[in-house]
Amino acid sequence: QVQLVESGGGLVQAGGSLRLACAISEIIFSFSAMGWYRQGPGSQRELVAMVVLGSSTNYADSVKGRFTISRDNAKNTVYLQMNSLKPEDTAVYYCYCRPLAGLLPTGRRDYWGQGTQVTVSS
């Protein structure tokens, strides 16, 4: 069974930092581009950051210069380092992966994690 297991959310004051981690099942990790989405109160889910291979990354304009996405191939894990957090970063953060091409080995087009809450107080 494929799993995306997130950790690292919590409550932090504005200006603080958090690091999110998402452990992804080995069967799909090597075939995936992966990233993080978020959904704030009353908002639509939006892309925060994606990493394809190595250093190929992209970020939402709102987090550029503050957030860094990375992947550890040895640990099958993707991270989101969040610095200089702002109250508007408050949201549920979801780990996401999709195939680099075609379908994943499981036959699916994507997977989502269960979400982890990040709350930034002013």
C-alpha atoms as a PDB file:
ATOM      1  CA  GLN A   1       0.000   0.000   0.000  1.00  0.00           C
ATOM      2  CA  VAL A   2       1.389   3.367  -1.015  1.00  0.00           C
ATOM      3  CA  GLN A   3       1.708   5.873   1.766  1.00  0.00           C
ATOM      4  CA  LEU A   4       2.668   9.518   2.063  1.00  0.00           C
ATOM      5  CA  VAL A   5       3.267  10.221   5.747  1.00  0.00           C
ATOM      6  CA  GLU A   6       3.689  13.838   6.728  1.00  0.00           C
ATOM      7  CA  SER A   7       5.193  15.254   9.899  1.00  0.00           C
ATOM      8  CA  GLY A   8       6.515  18.515  11.289  1.00  0.00           C
ATOM      9  CA  GLY A   9       3.514  20.799  11.406  1.00  0.00           C
ATOM     10  CA  GLY A  10       2.607  22.824  14.458  1.00  0.00           C
ATOM     11  CA  LEU A  11       2.211  26.245  15.987  1.00  0.00           C
ATOM     12  CA  VAL A  12       4.906  28.876  15.572  1.00  0.00           C
ATOM     13  CA  GLN A  13       5.178  32.618  16.020  1.00  0.00           C
ATOM     14  CA  ALA A  14       5.572  34.924  13.066  1.00  0.00           C
ATOM     15  CA  GLY A  15       9.187  35.038  11.951  1.00  0.00           C
ATOM     16  CA  GLY A  16       9.812  31.494  13.123  1.00  0.00           C
ATOM     17  CA  SER A  17      10.655  28.339  11.224  1.00  0.00           C
ATOM     18  CA  LEU A  18       9.264  24.862  10.713  1.00  0.00           C
ATOM     19  CA  ARG A  19      10.374  21.909   8.650  1.00  0.00           C
ATOM     20  CA  LEU A  20       7.831  19.574   7.141  1.00  0.00           C
ATOM     21  CA  ALA A  21       8.757  16.065   6.090  1.00  0.00           C
ATOM     22  CA  CYS A  22       6.906  13.576   3.918  1.00  0.00           C
ATOM     23  CA  ALA A  23       8.002   9.957   3.787  1.00  0.00           C
ATOM     24  CA  ILE A  24       6.884   8.388   0.506  1.00  0.00           C
ATOM     25  CA  SER A  25       6.601   4.706  -0.261  1.00  0.00           C
ATOM     26  CA  GLU A  26       9.647   3.406  -2.043  1.00  0.00           C
ATOM     27  CA  ILE A  27       7.669   1.862  -4.867  1.00  0.00           C
ATOM     28  CA  ILE A  28       6.799   5.275  -6.274  1.00  0.00           C
ATOM     29  CA  PHE A  29       9.487   7.588  -4.924  1.00  0.00           C
ATOM     30  CA  SER A  30      12.020   7.250  -7.732  1.00  0.00           C
ATOM     31  CA  PHE A  31       9.349   7.739 -10.390  1.00  0.00           C
ATOM     32  CA  SER A  32       7.855  10.857  -8.880  1.00  0.00           C
ATOM     33  CA  ALA A  33       7.960  14.572  -8.929  1.00  0.00           C
ATOM     34  CA  MET A  34       6.843  15.659  -5.475  1.00  0.00           C
ATOM     35  CA  GLY A  35       5.883  18.728  -3.616  1.00  0.00           C
ATOM     36  CA  TRP A  36       3.667  20.543  -1.181  1.00  0.00           C
ATOM     37  CA  TYR A  37       0.288  22.179  -1.521  1.00  0.00           C
ATOM     38  CA  ARG A  38      -1.581  24.126   1.129  1.00  0.00           C
ATOM     39  CA  GLN A  39      -5.144  25.087   1.868  1.00  0.00           C
ATOM     40  CA  GLY A  40      -5.883  27.986   4.179  1.00  0.00           C
ATOM     41  CA  PRO A  41      -9.219  28.758   5.821  1.00  0.00           C
ATOM     42  CA  GLY A  42     -11.765  29.608   3.156  1.00  0.00           C
ATOM     43  CA  SER A  43      -9.190  29.249   0.392  1.00  0.00           C
ATOM     44  CA  GLN A  44      -8.561  26.893  -2.462  1.00  0.00           C
ATOM     45  CA  ARG A  45      -5.689  24.444  -2.353  1.00  0.00           C
ATOM     46  CA  GLU A  46      -2.599  26.010  -3.888  1.00  0.00           C
ATOM     47  CA  LEU A  47       0.826  24.838  -4.932  1.00  0.00           C
ATOM     48  CA  VAL A  48       3.607  25.855  -2.558  1.00  0.00           C
ATOM     49  CA  ALA A  49       6.657  24.123  -4.037  1.00  0.00           C
ATOM     50  CA  MET A  50       7.631  21.228  -6.263  1.00  0.00           C
ATOM     51  CA  VAL A  51      10.874  19.337  -6.841  1.00  0.00           C
ATOM     52  CA  VAL A  52      11.287  17.199  -9.931  1.00  0.00           C
ATOM     53  CA  LEU A  53      14.793  15.792 -10.045  1.00  0.00           C
ATOM     54  CA  GLY A  54      17.841  17.034  -8.239  1.00  0.00           C
ATOM     55  CA  SER A  55      17.749  20.800  -8.128  1.00  0.00           C
ATOM     56  CA  SER A  56      14.802  21.340 -10.468  1.00  0.00           C
ATOM     57  CA  THR A  57      12.359  23.196  -8.247  1.00  0.00           C
ATOM     58  CA  ASN A  58       9.611  25.732  -8.487  1.00  0.00           C
ATOM     59  CA  TYR A  59       7.874  27.855  -5.859  1.00  0.00           C
ATOM     60  CA  ALA A  60       4.811  29.960  -5.405  1.00  0.00           C
ATOM     61  CA  ASP A  61       5.716  33.636  -5.569  1.00  0.00           C
ATOM     62  CA  SER A  62       4.437  34.115  -2.019  1.00  0.00           C
ATOM     63  CA  VAL A  63       7.063  31.779  -0.558  1.00  0.00           C
ATOM     64  CA  LYS A  64      10.100  32.426  -2.763  1.00  0.00           C
ATOM     65  CA  GLY A  65      13.142  33.263  -0.682  1.00  0.00           C
ATOM     66  CA  ARG A  66      11.547  31.913   2.504  1.00  0.00           C
ATOM     67  CA  PHE A  67      10.759  28.252   1.774  1.00  0.00           C
ATOM     68  CA  THR A  68      13.079  25.566   0.446  1.00  0.00           C
ATOM     69  CA  ILE A  69      12.008  22.193  -0.886  1.00  0.00           C
ATOM     70  CA  SER A  70      14.401  19.278  -1.036  1.00  0.00           C
ATOM     71  CA  ARG A  71      14.342  15.517  -1.467  1.00  0.00           C
ATOM     72  CA  ASP A  72      16.465  12.861   0.189  1.00  0.00           C
ATOM     73  CA  ASN A  73      16.591   9.907  -2.164  1.00  0.00           C
ATOM     74  CA  ALA A  74      18.209   7.667   0.445  1.00  0.00           C
ATOM     75  CA  LYS A  75      15.336   8.223   2.855  1.00  0.00           C
ATOM     76  CA  ASN A  76      12.511   8.452   0.286  1.00  0.00           C
ATOM     77  CA  THR A  77      11.547  11.731   1.884  1.00  0.00           C
ATOM     78  CA  VAL A  78      10.727  15.215   0.695  1.00  0.00           C
ATOM     79  CA  TYR A  79      11.160  18.211   2.976  1.00  0.00           C
ATOM     80  CA  LEU A  80       9.850  21.743   3.113  1.00  0.00           C
ATOM     81  CA  GLN A  81      11.945  24.119   5.167  1.00  0.00           C
ATOM     82  CA  MET A  82       9.853  27.142   6.028  1.00  0.00           C
ATOM     83  CA  ASN A  83      11.570  30.247   7.357  1.00  0.00           C
ATOM     84  CA  SER A  84      10.345  33.743   8.149  1.00  0.00           C
ATOM     85  CA  LEU A  85       6.833  32.401   8.560  1.00  0.00           C
ATOM     86  CA  LYS A  86       3.913  34.786   8.324  1.00  0.00           C
ATOM     87  CA  PRO A  87       0.351  34.484   9.650  1.00  0.00           C
ATOM     88  CA  GLU A  88      -0.841  34.149   6.045  1.00  0.00           C
ATOM     89  CA  ASP A  89       1.152  30.908   5.789  1.00  0.00           C
ATOM     90  CA  THR A  90      -1.353  29.333   8.169  1.00  0.00           C
ATOM     91  CA  ALA A  91      -2.883  26.366   6.362  1.00  0.00           C
ATOM     92  CA  VAL A  92      -3.090  22.633   6.128  1.00  0.00           C
ATOM     93  CA  TYR A  93      -0.078  21.497   4.129  1.00  0.00           C
ATOM     94  CA  TYR A  94      -0.398  18.450   1.887  1.00  0.00           C
ATOM     95  CA  CYS A  95       2.367  16.342   0.444  1.00  0.00           C
ATOM     96  CA  TYR A  96       1.797  15.430  -3.205  1.00  0.00           C
ATOM     97  CA  CYS A  97       3.479  13.290  -5.804  1.00  0.00           C
ATOM     98  CA  ARG A  98       2.883  12.662  -9.478  1.00  0.00           C
ATOM     99  CA  PRO A  99       4.779  10.674 -12.091  1.00  0.00           C
ATOM    100  CA  LEU A 100       7.741  12.124 -13.939  1.00  0.00           C
ATOM    101  CA  ALA A 101       6.114  10.728 -17.073  1.00  0.00           C
ATOM    102  CA  GLY A 102       3.046   8.625 -17.809  1.00  0.00           C
ATOM    103  CA  LEU A 103       1.671   6.798 -14.797  1.00  0.00           C
ATOM    104  CA  LEU A 104       3.242   5.730 -11.520  1.00  0.00           C
ATOM    105  CA  PRO A 105       4.181   2.029 -11.153  1.00  0.00           C
ATOM    106  CA  THR A 106       0.908   1.541  -9.272  1.00  0.00           C
ATOM    107  CA  GLY A 107      -1.083   2.787 -12.265  1.00  0.00           C
ATOM    108  CA  ARG A 108      -2.184   5.982 -10.561  1.00  0.00           C
ATOM    109  CA  ARG A 109      -1.559   9.553 -11.664  1.00  0.00           C
ATOM    110  CA  ASP A 110      -1.021  11.065  -8.217  1.00  0.00           C
ATOM    111  CA  TYR A 111      -1.085  10.612  -4.461  1.00  0.00           C
ATOM    112  CA  TRP A 112      -1.821  12.961  -1.592  1.00  0.00           C
ATOM    113  CA  GLY A 113      -0.802  12.910   2.038  1.00  0.00           C
ATOM    114  CA  GLN A 114      -3.299  13.322   4.848  1.00  0.00           C
ATOM    115  CA  GLY A 115      -2.260  16.899   5.571  1.00  0.00           C
ATOM    116  CA  THR A 116      -0.489  18.579   8.467  1.00  0.00           C
ATOM    117  CA  GLN A 117      -1.596  21.799  10.137  1.00  0.00           C
ATOM    118  CA  VAL A 118       0.723  24.784  10.227  1.00  0.00           C
ATOM    119  CA  THR A 119      -0.420  27.721  12.329  1.00  0.00           C
ATOM    120  CA  VAL A 120       1.530  30.966  12.473  1.00  0.00           C
ATOM    121  CA  SER A 121       0.557  33.385  15.223  1.00  0.00           C
ATOM    122  CA  SER A 122       1.119  37.123  14.962  1.00  0.00           C
END
